């Protein structure tokens, strides 16, 4: 039976054949599943639209031009809220995220609907070393930006958002629309007073022969992440730290899971 509160949201830009597989895997685990096509030009939108025509669990939403992952999710969240949904589980279209864990994450969210349910990635041996080092830096920065634990991995996008909290976070900044989306939204939602729950989830890096596609450009997108974190640190220093410090003091040692 379709959920009337929780949906799976998959943003996609030129994901190739992997998109159809990811959508089908998600639909086997949950109903409904929405795919937001972010101005794709590789024909993957046609394939998944044909799949959605045969499977009522799937819905395709098309954006006319590329805006970035955050922009695609913002489009989906806006429609979801307008149609009465309260939570969205975001997952990538490239097959990295574990569709088999959707039910568990949704159940955790249903049990604690006020909570941001974050994935804590478990990597396989194929994970690039450079990416692992970059993640360590991002984890450290997130802990600085929220004055302690609570976000175990700010870059892992497999998570269940309270939709209204995500929309507020998106509305509070003009950034967070590209590769900076996952990190910035986790921090801003925490700043908004939303408690967090971190759950383990596997993460795999697919080779090109397996259909793996990455649109990450090392210098450009790392500069985007640098700019985003600089903005967060400045906002922390000049505005956010008193409320965060008071929250930490109230919560004591249990702040990491609220």
C-alpha atoms as a PDB file:
ATOM      1  CA  UNK A   1       0.000   0.000   0.000  1.00  0.00           C
ATOM      2  CA  UNK A   2       1.458   3.421  -0.905  1.00  0.00           C
ATOM      3  CA  UNK A   3       2.666   5.588   1.959  1.00  0.00           C
ATOM      4  CA  UNK A   4       0.817   8.864   2.356  1.00  0.00           C
ATOM      5  CA  UNK A   5       3.613  10.470   4.392  1.00  0.00           C
ATOM      6  CA  UNK A   6       6.999   9.148   3.240  1.00  0.00           C
ATOM      7  CA  UNK A   7       8.355   8.929  -0.300  1.00  0.00           C
ATOM      8  CA  UNK A   8      11.657   8.102  -1.964  1.00  0.00           C
ATOM      9  CA  UNK A   9      13.157  10.965  -3.982  1.00  0.00           C
ATOM     10  CA  UNK A  10      15.865  10.281  -6.570  1.00  0.00           C
ATOM     11  CA  UNK A  11      17.488  13.283  -8.304  1.00  0.00           C
ATOM     12  CA  UNK A  12      19.129  12.436 -11.629  1.00  0.00           C
ATOM     13  CA  UNK A  13      21.303  14.128 -14.209  1.00  0.00           C
ATOM     14  CA  UNK A  14      22.627  12.041 -17.130  1.00  0.00           C
ATOM     15  CA  UNK A  15      22.717   8.858 -15.037  1.00  0.00           C
ATOM     16  CA  UNK A  16      22.671   6.506 -18.015  1.00  0.00           C
ATOM     17  CA  UNK A  17      21.251   3.004 -17.800  1.00  0.00           C
ATOM     18  CA  UNK A  18      21.947   2.921 -14.073  1.00  0.00           C
ATOM     19  CA  UNK A  19      18.961   5.201 -13.386  1.00  0.00           C
ATOM     20  CA  UNK A  20      16.376   2.663 -14.552  1.00  0.00           C
ATOM     21  CA  UNK A  21      17.978  -0.035 -12.396  1.00  0.00           C
ATOM     22  CA  UNK A  22      18.111   2.222  -9.336  1.00  0.00           C
ATOM     23  CA  UNK A  23      14.474   3.285  -9.773  1.00  0.00           C
ATOM     24  CA  UNK A  24      13.320  -0.317 -10.139  1.00  0.00           C
ATOM     25  CA  UNK A  25      15.293  -1.410  -7.064  1.00  0.00           C
ATOM     26  CA  UNK A  26      13.801   1.424  -5.008  1.00  0.00           C
ATOM     27  CA  UNK A  27      10.260   0.654  -6.196  1.00  0.00           C
ATOM     28  CA  UNK A  28      10.619  -2.945  -5.049  1.00  0.00           C
ATOM     29  CA  UNK A  29      11.265  -1.596  -1.547  1.00  0.00           C
ATOM     30  CA  UNK A  30       8.895   1.369  -1.318  1.00  0.00           C
ATOM     31  CA  UNK A  31       5.826   3.063  -2.777  1.00  0.00           C
ATOM     32  CA  UNK A  32       5.912   5.843  -3.928  1.00  0.00           C
ATOM     33  CA  UNK A  33       9.251   6.595  -5.605  1.00  0.00           C
ATOM     34  CA  UNK A  34       9.747   9.902  -7.417  1.00  0.00           C
ATOM     35  CA  UNK A  35      12.563  10.576  -9.876  1.00  0.00           C
ATOM     36  CA  UNK A  36      13.437  14.215 -10.555  1.00  0.00           C
ATOM     37  CA  UNK A  37      15.142  14.589 -13.941  1.00  0.00           C
ATOM     38  CA  UNK A  38      17.462  17.594 -13.654  1.00  0.00           C
ATOM     39  CA  UNK A  39      17.709  18.621 -17.298  1.00  0.00           C
ATOM     40  CA  UNK A  40      19.223  15.336 -18.488  1.00  0.00           C
ATOM     41  CA  UNK A  41      20.357  15.093 -22.114  1.00  0.00           C
ATOM     42  CA  UNK A  42      21.490  11.440 -22.326  1.00  0.00           C
ATOM     43  CA  UNK A  43      18.085   9.824 -22.871  1.00  0.00           C
ATOM     44  CA  UNK A  44      17.931   8.271 -19.384  1.00  0.00           C
ATOM     45  CA  UNK A  45      14.765  10.264 -18.743  1.00  0.00           C
ATOM     46  CA  UNK A  46      12.955   8.464 -21.569  1.00  0.00           C
ATOM     47  CA  UNK A  47      13.889   5.042 -20.246  1.00  0.00           C
ATOM     48  CA  UNK A  48      12.737   5.742 -16.712  1.00  0.00           C
ATOM     49  CA  UNK A  49       9.558   7.446 -17.977  1.00  0.00           C
ATOM     50  CA  UNK A  50       8.729   4.263 -19.884  1.00  0.00           C
ATOM     51  CA  UNK A  51       9.333   2.267 -16.716  1.00  0.00           C
ATOM     52  CA  UNK A  52       7.071   4.612 -14.732  1.00  0.00           C
ATOM     53  CA  UNK A  53       4.327   4.164 -17.324  1.00  0.00           C
ATOM     54  CA  UNK A  54       4.329   0.452 -16.483  1.00  0.00           C
ATOM     55  CA  UNK A  55       4.774   0.798 -12.710  1.00  0.00           C
ATOM     56  CA  UNK A  56       2.363   2.925 -10.682  1.00  0.00           C
ATOM     57  CA  UNK A  57       4.841   3.128  -7.809  1.00  0.00           C
ATOM     58  CA  UNK A  58       7.079   5.381  -9.899  1.00  0.00           C
ATOM     59  CA  UNK A  59       6.642   9.004 -10.876  1.00  0.00           C
ATOM     60  CA  UNK A  60       8.945  11.127 -13.033  1.00  0.00           C
ATOM     61  CA  UNK A  61       9.251  14.901 -12.549  1.00  0.00           C
ATOM     62  CA  UNK A  62      11.212  16.778 -15.223  1.00  0.00           C
ATOM     63  CA  UNK A  63      13.105  20.036 -14.759  1.00  0.00           C
ATOM     64  CA  UNK A  64      13.779  21.965 -17.990  1.00  0.00           C
ATOM     65  CA  UNK A  65      17.439  22.679 -17.223  1.00  0.00           C
ATOM     66  CA  UNK A  66      20.185  21.467 -14.918  1.00  0.00           C
ATOM     67  CA  UNK A  67      20.233  23.156 -11.530  1.00  0.00           C
ATOM     68  CA  UNK A  68      22.221  20.675  -9.419  1.00  0.00           C
ATOM     69  CA  UNK A  69      21.308  17.972  -6.951  1.00  0.00           C
ATOM     70  CA  UNK A  70      19.981  20.418  -4.373  1.00  0.00           C
ATOM     71  CA  UNK A  71      17.813  22.199  -6.915  1.00  0.00           C
ATOM     72  CA  UNK A  72      16.355  18.889  -8.087  1.00  0.00           C
ATOM     73  CA  UNK A  73      15.565  17.791  -4.534  1.00  0.00           C
ATOM     74  CA  UNK A  74      14.092  21.229  -3.784  1.00  0.00           C
ATOM     75  CA  UNK A  75      11.701  20.768  -6.708  1.00  0.00           C
ATOM     76  CA  UNK A  76      10.651  17.349  -5.437  1.00  0.00           C
ATOM     77  CA  UNK A  77      10.236  18.499  -1.839  1.00  0.00           C
ATOM     78  CA  UNK A  78       8.093  21.461  -2.846  1.00  0.00           C
ATOM     79  CA  UNK A  79       5.708  19.174  -4.758  1.00  0.00           C
ATOM     80  CA  UNK A  80       5.751  16.585  -1.968  1.00  0.00           C
ATOM     81  CA  UNK A  81       4.723  19.135   0.661  1.00  0.00           C
ATOM     82  CA  UNK A  82       2.002  20.509  -1.591  1.00  0.00           C
ATOM     83  CA  UNK A  83       0.604  16.975  -1.929  1.00  0.00           C
ATOM     84  CA  UNK A  84       0.629  16.289   1.811  1.00  0.00           C
ATOM     85  CA  UNK A  85       3.806  14.265   2.240  1.00  0.00           C
ATOM     86  CA  UNK A  86       5.867  14.955   5.364  1.00  0.00           C
ATOM     87  CA  UNK A  87       9.163  13.111   4.743  1.00  0.00           C
ATOM     88  CA  UNK A  88      11.436  12.292   1.833  1.00  0.00           C
ATOM     89  CA  UNK A  89      14.193   9.700   1.649  1.00  0.00           C
ATOM     90  CA  UNK A  90      16.816  11.036  -0.736  1.00  0.00           C
ATOM     91  CA  UNK A  91      19.043   8.576  -2.553  1.00  0.00           C
ATOM     92  CA  UNK A  92      21.448   8.908  -5.476  1.00  0.00           C
ATOM     93  CA  UNK A  93      20.650   7.603  -8.937  1.00  0.00           C
ATOM     94  CA  UNK A  94      24.067   6.024  -9.544  1.00  0.00           C
ATOM     95  CA  UNK A  95      23.624   2.822  -7.546  1.00  0.00           C
ATOM     96  CA  UNK A  96      25.887   3.771  -4.635  1.00  0.00           C
ATOM     97  CA  UNK A  97      23.114   3.755  -2.056  1.00  0.00           C
ATOM     98  CA  UNK A  98      21.501   0.576  -0.633  1.00  0.00           C
ATOM     99  CA  UNK A  99      17.890   0.277  -1.793  1.00  0.00           C
ATOM    100  CA  UNK A 100      17.515  -2.690   0.547  1.00  0.00           C
ATOM    101  CA  UNK A 101      17.788  -0.351   3.550  1.00  0.00           C
ATOM    102  CA  UNK A 102      14.943   1.952   2.501  1.00  0.00           C
ATOM    103  CA  UNK A 103      12.359   0.183   4.682  1.00  0.00           C
ATOM    104  CA  UNK A 104      14.524   0.324   7.794  1.00  0.00           C
ATOM    105  CA  UNK A 105      15.284   4.020   7.350  1.00  0.00           C
ATOM    106  CA  UNK A 106      11.621   4.814   6.720  1.00  0.00           C
ATOM    107  CA  UNK A 107      10.586   2.868   9.834  1.00  0.00           C
ATOM    108  CA  UNK A 108      13.128   4.792  11.918  1.00  0.00           C
ATOM    109  CA  UNK A 109      11.728   8.051  10.570  1.00  0.00           C
ATOM    110  CA  UNK A 110       8.120   7.008  11.203  1.00  0.00           C
ATOM    111  CA  UNK A 111       9.031   6.156  14.788  1.00  0.00           C
ATOM    112  CA  UNK A 112      10.746   9.503  15.309  1.00  0.00           C
ATOM    113  CA  UNK A 113       9.151  11.844  12.759  1.00  0.00           C
ATOM    114  CA  UNK A 114      10.834  14.954  14.133  1.00  0.00           C
ATOM    115  CA  UNK A 115      14.269  13.458  13.416  1.00  0.00           C
ATOM    116  CA  UNK A 116      16.695  13.748  10.512  1.00  0.00           C
ATOM    117  CA  UNK A 117      17.716  10.138   9.828  1.00  0.00           C
ATOM    118  CA  UNK A 118      21.251  10.152   8.425  1.00  0.00           C
ATOM    119  CA  UNK A 119      23.123   7.328   6.756  1.00  0.00           C
ATOM    120  CA  UNK A 120      26.522   6.387   8.154  1.00  0.00           C
ATOM    121  CA  UNK A 121      28.371   4.845   5.179  1.00  0.00           C
ATOM    122  CA  UNK A 122      30.130   1.504   5.307  1.00  0.00           C
ATOM    123  CA  UNK A 123      32.578   1.456   2.390  1.00  0.00           C
ATOM    124  CA  UNK A 124      33.944  -1.477   0.438  1.00  0.00           C
ATOM    125  CA  UNK A 125      37.573  -1.945  -0.591  1.00  0.00           C
ATOM    126  CA  UNK A 126      36.913  -0.294  -3.964  1.00  0.00           C
ATOM    127  CA  UNK A 127      36.329   3.146  -2.386  1.00  0.00           C
ATOM    128  CA  UNK A 128      38.905   5.682  -3.681  1.00  0.00           C
ATOM    129  CA  UNK A 129      41.455   6.732  -1.053  1.00  0.00           C
ATOM    130  CA  UNK A 130      41.213  10.397  -2.065  1.00  0.00           C
ATOM    131  CA  UNK A 131      37.465  10.351  -1.447  1.00  0.00           C
ATOM    132  CA  UNK A 132      37.971   8.768   1.982  1.00  0.00           C
ATOM    133  CA  UNK A 133      40.452  11.464   3.003  1.00  0.00           C
ATOM    134  CA  UNK A 134      38.070  14.158   1.799  1.00  0.00           C
ATOM    135  CA  UNK A 135      35.247  12.666   3.836  1.00  0.00           C
ATOM    136  CA  UNK A 136      37.347  12.760   6.996  1.00  0.00           C
ATOM    137  CA  UNK A 137      37.848  16.484   6.489  1.00  0.00           C
ATOM    138  CA  UNK A 138      34.124  16.981   5.891  1.00  0.00           C
ATOM    139  CA  UNK A 139      33.219  15.066   9.051  1.00  0.00           C
ATOM    140  CA  UNK A 140      35.608  17.224  11.076  1.00  0.00           C
ATOM    141  CA  UNK A 141      34.203  20.423   9.561  1.00  0.00           C
ATOM    142  CA  UNK A 142      30.618  19.365  10.282  1.00  0.00           C
ATOM    143  CA  UNK A 143      31.487  18.671  13.913  1.00  0.00           C
ATOM    144  CA  UNK A 144      33.030  22.142  14.178  1.00  0.00           C
ATOM    145  CA  UNK A 145      29.969  23.707  12.527  1.00  0.00           C
ATOM    146  CA  UNK A 146      27.543  22.072  14.986  1.00  0.00           C
ATOM    147  CA  UNK A 147      29.940  22.273  17.971  1.00  0.00           C
ATOM    148  CA  UNK A 148      30.214  18.521  18.475  1.00  0.00           C
ATOM    149  CA  UNK A 149      28.876  15.156  17.332  1.00  0.00           C
ATOM    150  CA  UNK A 150      25.521  14.509  15.695  1.00  0.00           C
ATOM    151  CA  UNK A 151      26.356  14.234  11.989  1.00  0.00           C
ATOM    152  CA  UNK A 152      28.487  11.140  11.440  1.00  0.00           C
ATOM    153  CA  UNK A 153      28.971  11.716   7.699  1.00  0.00           C
ATOM    154  CA  UNK A 154      27.772  14.973   6.090  1.00  0.00           C
ATOM    155  CA  UNK A 155      28.457  13.841   2.502  1.00  0.00           C
ATOM    156  CA  UNK A 156      26.470  10.593   2.446  1.00  0.00           C
ATOM    157  CA  UNK A 157      23.190  11.480   0.771  1.00  0.00           C
ATOM    158  CA  UNK A 158      21.149   8.429   1.785  1.00  0.00           C
ATOM    159  CA  UNK A 159      18.931  10.008   4.444  1.00  0.00           C
ATOM    160  CA  UNK A 160      15.327  10.722   5.439  1.00  0.00           C
ATOM    161  CA  UNK A 161      14.489  14.409   5.730  1.00  0.00           C
ATOM    162  CA  UNK A 162      11.535  15.945   7.517  1.00  0.00           C
ATOM    163  CA  UNK A 163      10.348  17.758   4.393  1.00  0.00           C
ATOM    164  CA  UNK A 164       9.367  21.041   6.055  1.00  0.00           C
ATOM    165  CA  UNK A 165      12.747  21.288   7.811  1.00  0.00           C
ATOM    166  CA  UNK A 166      14.544  20.666   4.521  1.00  0.00           C
ATOM    167  CA  UNK A 167      12.512  23.322   2.756  1.00  0.00           C
ATOM    168  CA  UNK A 168      13.342  25.833   5.521  1.00  0.00           C
ATOM    169  CA  UNK A 169      17.039  24.976   5.236  1.00  0.00           C
ATOM    170  CA  UNK A 170      16.971  25.429   1.473  1.00  0.00           C
ATOM    171  CA  UNK A 171      15.190  28.744   1.878  1.00  0.00           C
ATOM    172  CA  UNK A 172      17.791  30.020   4.358  1.00  0.00           C
ATOM    173  CA  UNK A 173      20.650  30.068   1.837  1.00  0.00           C
ATOM    174  CA  UNK A 174      21.293  30.609  -1.848  1.00  0.00           C
ATOM    175  CA  UNK A 175      23.964  27.900  -1.719  1.00  0.00           C
ATOM    176  CA  UNK A 176      23.508  24.150  -1.246  1.00  0.00           C
ATOM    177  CA  UNK A 177      22.224  23.476  -4.761  1.00  0.00           C
ATOM    178  CA  UNK A 178      25.162  21.457  -6.121  1.00  0.00           C
ATOM    179  CA  UNK A 179      27.659  19.077  -4.529  1.00  0.00           C
ATOM    180  CA  UNK A 180      27.487  21.202  -1.381  1.00  0.00           C
ATOM    181  CA  UNK A 181      23.841  20.167  -0.849  1.00  0.00           C
ATOM    182  CA  UNK A 182      24.327  17.144   1.431  1.00  0.00           C
ATOM    183  CA  UNK A 183      26.816  18.776   3.803  1.00  0.00           C
ATOM    184  CA  UNK A 184      25.117  22.143   4.014  1.00  0.00           C
ATOM    185  CA  UNK A 185      21.588  20.827   4.480  1.00  0.00           C
ATOM    186  CA  UNK A 186      22.644  18.443   7.279  1.00  0.00           C
ATOM    187  CA  UNK A 187      24.300  21.322   9.150  1.00  0.00           C
ATOM    188  CA  UNK A 188      21.493  23.813   8.588  1.00  0.00           C
ATOM    189  CA  UNK A 189      18.783  21.364   9.614  1.00  0.00           C
ATOM    190  CA  UNK A 190      20.737  20.610  12.793  1.00  0.00           C
ATOM    191  CA  UNK A 191      21.029  24.366  13.405  1.00  0.00           C
ATOM    192  CA  UNK A 192      17.229  24.525  13.096  1.00  0.00           C
ATOM    193  CA  UNK A 193      16.939  22.349  16.215  1.00  0.00           C
ATOM    194  CA  UNK A 194      16.124  19.082  14.440  1.00  0.00           C
ATOM    195  CA  UNK A 195      17.474  15.995  16.268  1.00  0.00           C
ATOM    196  CA  UNK A 196      19.553  13.455  14.373  1.00  0.00           C
ATOM    197  CA  UNK A 197      19.777   9.685  14.186  1.00  0.00           C
ATOM    198  CA  UNK A 198      22.723   8.040  12.404  1.00  0.00           C
ATOM    199  CA  UNK A 199      22.259   4.531  10.956  1.00  0.00           C
ATOM    200  CA  UNK A 200      24.771   2.322   9.146  1.00  0.00           C
ATOM    201  CA  UNK A 201      24.315   1.821   5.407  1.00  0.00           C
ATOM    202  CA  UNK A 202      26.577   0.311   2.797  1.00  0.00           C
ATOM    203  CA  UNK A 203      28.060   2.466   0.051  1.00  0.00           C
ATOM    204  CA  UNK A 204      29.574   1.091  -3.123  1.00  0.00           C
ATOM    205  CA  UNK A 205      31.586   2.731  -5.876  1.00  0.00           C
ATOM    206  CA  UNK A 206      30.675   1.260  -9.265  1.00  0.00           C
ATOM    207  CA  UNK A 207      33.227   1.015 -12.051  1.00  0.00           C
ATOM    208  CA  UNK A 208      32.453   2.263 -15.560  1.00  0.00           C
ATOM    209  CA  UNK A 209      31.915  -1.326 -16.671  1.00  0.00           C
ATOM    210  CA  UNK A 210      29.232  -1.624 -13.972  1.00  0.00           C
ATOM    211  CA  UNK A 211      27.493   1.531 -15.192  1.00  0.00           C
ATOM    212  CA  UNK A 212      29.082   3.873 -12.673  1.00  0.00           C
ATOM    213  CA  UNK A 213      28.963   7.551 -13.687  1.00  0.00           C
ATOM    214  CA  UNK A 214      30.358  10.522 -11.782  1.00  0.00           C
ATOM    215  CA  UNK A 215      29.845  14.188 -12.632  1.00  0.00           C
ATOM    216  CA  UNK A 216      32.145  15.337  -9.824  1.00  0.00           C
ATOM    217  CA  UNK A 217      34.843  17.722 -11.097  1.00  0.00           C
ATOM    218  CA  UNK A 218      37.717  17.749  -8.634  1.00  0.00           C
ATOM    219  CA  UNK A 219      38.730  21.419  -8.629  1.00  0.00           C
ATOM    220  CA  UNK A 220      35.377  23.010  -9.436  1.00  0.00           C
ATOM    221  CA  UNK A 221      33.319  21.037  -6.954  1.00  0.00           C
ATOM    222  CA  UNK A 222      35.901  21.127  -4.183  1.00  0.00           C
ATOM    223  CA  UNK A 223      35.859  24.923  -4.556  1.00  0.00           C
ATOM    224  CA  UNK A 224      32.063  24.789  -4.187  1.00  0.00           C
ATOM    225  CA  UNK A 225      32.455  22.751  -0.987  1.00  0.00           C
ATOM    226  CA  UNK A 226      35.133  25.152   0.288  1.00  0.00           C
ATOM    227  CA  UNK A 227      32.890  28.156  -0.302  1.00  0.00           C
ATOM    228  CA  UNK A 228      29.958  26.427   1.399  1.00  0.00           C
ATOM    229  CA  UNK A 229      31.969  25.479   4.474  1.00  0.00           C
ATOM    230  CA  UNK A 230      33.479  28.955   4.710  1.00  0.00           C
ATOM    231  CA  UNK A 231      29.965  30.412   4.680  1.00  0.00           C
ATOM    232  CA  UNK A 232      28.842  27.977   7.387  1.00  0.00           C
ATOM    233  CA  UNK A 233      31.852  28.735   9.578  1.00  0.00           C
ATOM    234  CA  UNK A 234      31.338  32.478   9.258  1.00  0.00           C
ATOM    235  CA  UNK A 235      27.647  32.108  10.071  1.00  0.00           C
ATOM    236  CA  UNK A 236      28.557  29.960  13.063  1.00  0.00           C
ATOM    237  CA  UNK A 237      31.065  32.517  14.345  1.00  0.00           C
ATOM    238  CA  UNK A 238      28.867  35.580  13.933  1.00  0.00           C
ATOM    239  CA  UNK A 239      25.388  34.224  14.553  1.00  0.00           C
ATOM    240  CA  UNK A 240      24.786  30.586  15.402  1.00  0.00           C
ATOM    241  CA  UNK A 241      27.160  29.622  18.206  1.00  0.00           C
ATOM    242  CA  UNK A 242      25.196  30.978  21.224  1.00  0.00           C
ATOM    243  CA  UNK A 243      22.071  28.924  20.435  1.00  0.00           C
ATOM    244  CA  UNK A 244      24.146  25.850  19.565  1.00  0.00           C
ATOM    245  CA  UNK A 245      26.152  26.115  22.763  1.00  0.00           C
ATOM    246  CA  UNK A 246      22.970  26.452  24.800  1.00  0.00           C
ATOM    247  CA  UNK A 247      21.544  23.384  23.065  1.00  0.00           C
ATOM    248  CA  UNK A 248      24.677  21.375  23.834  1.00  0.00           C
ATOM    249  CA  UNK A 249      24.517  22.390  27.469  1.00  0.00           C
ATOM    250  CA  UNK A 250      20.869  21.366  27.750  1.00  0.00           C
ATOM    251  CA  UNK A 251      21.381  18.051  26.048  1.00  0.00           C
ATOM    252  CA  UNK A 252      24.644  17.166  27.793  1.00  0.00           C
ATOM    253  CA  UNK A 253      26.340  13.989  26.654  1.00  0.00           C
ATOM    254  CA  UNK A 254      23.276  12.779  24.761  1.00  0.00           C
ATOM    255  CA  UNK A 255      23.504  15.522  22.142  1.00  0.00           C
ATOM    256  CA  UNK A 256      24.894  13.249  19.433  1.00  0.00           C
ATOM    257  CA  UNK A 257      21.591  11.422  19.123  1.00  0.00           C
ATOM    258  CA  UNK A 258      19.287  13.950  20.807  1.00  0.00           C
END
